[in-house]
Amino acid sequence: MRVIAIDFDNTATEDPRMVNELYEDPLNFIVIYTSRSSAIRQQTELELQKLGIKYHALVMDKLRADLYIDDKNMGGLKWP
C-alpha cells in the first residue's frame, strides 16, 4: 500500500478529480492534511463532501514550521 498525503487548501481543492483518481487505485491510501484547527474539523469534512473529494483519513492541525525536512521530500531541501 502507498500512503499519499495531499494538502487540503489550494491543492486538493484545486483538482478534486485528480485526488479521486488516486483514491480509486486500491493500492493508494489517501490522507488529506491541513493546518486548519481541529476546532473546525466538521466544517472541513463538510467542505470535502461538497467538493466530492474522496479520502481515507483527515489529519488536522498540521505541524507548523518554516521548513520541512523529510526523507520522502521531493524537490525540496536536499538533506545530506
Protein backbone atom coordinates (compact mmCIF):
# COMPACT_ATOMS: atom_id res chain seq x y z
CA MET A 1 0.00 0.00 0.00
CA ARG A 2 1.14 3.52 -0.80
CA VAL A 3 0.16 6.38 1.53
CA ILE A 4 -0.38 9.64 -0.33
CA ALA A 5 -0.69 12.80 1.77
CA ILE A 6 -2.40 15.69 -0.01
CA ASP A 7 -2.72 19.20 1.38
CA PHE A 8 -6.32 20.39 1.52
CA ASP A 9 -6.36 24.13 0.76
CA ASN A 10 -5.10 25.13 -2.68
CA THR A 11 -4.06 21.57 -3.54
CA ALA A 12 -6.89 19.04 -3.16
CA THR A 13 -9.42 21.85 -3.60
CA GLU A 14 -7.82 22.87 -6.90
CA ASP A 15 -8.24 19.47 -8.57
CA PRO A 16 -10.65 17.15 -6.75
CA ARG A 17 -10.80 14.93 -9.83
CA MET A 18 -7.09 14.11 -9.53
CA VAL A 19 -7.48 13.25 -5.84
CA ASN A 20 -10.39 10.95 -6.66
CA GLU A 21 -8.41 9.22 -9.41
CA LEU A 22 -5.68 8.45 -6.87
CA TYR A 23 -8.33 7.26 -4.40
CA GLU A 24 -9.75 4.78 -6.89
CA ASP A 25 -6.45 2.86 -7.05
CA PRO A 26 -6.79 0.18 -4.33
CA LEU A 27 -3.05 0.39 -3.67
CA ASN A 28 -3.38 4.01 -2.53
CA PHE A 29 -4.38 5.28 0.92
CA ILE A 30 -5.31 8.97 0.66
CA VAL A 31 -4.65 11.25 3.62
CA ILE A 32 -5.92 14.80 3.38
CA TYR A 33 -3.94 17.02 5.72
CA THR A 34 -4.39 20.63 6.72
CA SER A 35 -3.03 23.20 9.10
CA ARG A 36 -6.62 24.15 9.95
CA SER A 37 -7.52 23.87 13.61
CA SER A 38 -9.29 20.72 14.75
CA ALA A 39 -11.97 23.07 16.10
CA ILE A 40 -13.31 23.32 12.54
CA ARG A 41 -12.95 19.65 11.64
CA GLN A 42 -16.67 19.20 10.97
CA GLN A 43 -16.70 22.23 8.65
CA THR A 44 -13.67 20.85 6.81
CA GLU A 45 -15.34 17.44 6.43
CA LEU A 46 -18.43 19.16 5.00
CA GLU A 47 -16.26 21.05 2.50
CA LEU A 48 -14.63 17.80 1.40
CA GLN A 49 -18.07 16.26 0.96
CA LYS A 50 -19.39 19.26 -1.03
CA LEU A 51 -16.34 19.16 -3.30
CA GLY A 52 -16.79 15.39 -3.74
CA ILE A 53 -13.24 14.68 -2.58
CA LYS A 54 -12.72 11.05 -1.60
CA TYR A 55 -10.20 10.20 1.11
CA HIS A 56 -9.39 7.59 3.73
CA ALA A 57 -8.16 9.85 6.55
CA LEU A 58 -8.18 13.52 7.50
CA VAL A 59 -5.34 14.97 9.58
CA MET A 60 -5.92 18.36 11.19
CA ASP A 61 -3.51 20.74 12.95
CA LYS A 62 -0.53 20.05 10.71
CA LEU A 63 2.71 20.89 12.42
CA ARG A 64 3.51 24.49 11.60
CA ALA A 65 7.08 25.11 10.52
CA ASP A 66 9.02 27.29 8.12
CA LEU A 67 10.86 24.34 6.66
CA TYR A 68 10.01 20.64 6.49
CA ILE A 69 12.78 18.07 6.16
CA ASP A 70 11.60 14.60 5.22
CA ASP A 71 13.25 11.56 3.69
CA LYS A 72 10.43 11.43 1.15
CA ASN A 73 10.63 15.15 0.27
CA MET A 74 10.59 15.67 -3.48
CA GLY A 75 12.03 18.87 -4.90
CA GLY A 76 12.61 20.49 -1.53
CA LEU A 77 15.66 20.96 0.64
CA LYS A 78 18.28 18.30 -0.03
CA TRP A 79 19.22 16.54 3.18
CA PRO A 80 22.81 15.28 3.49
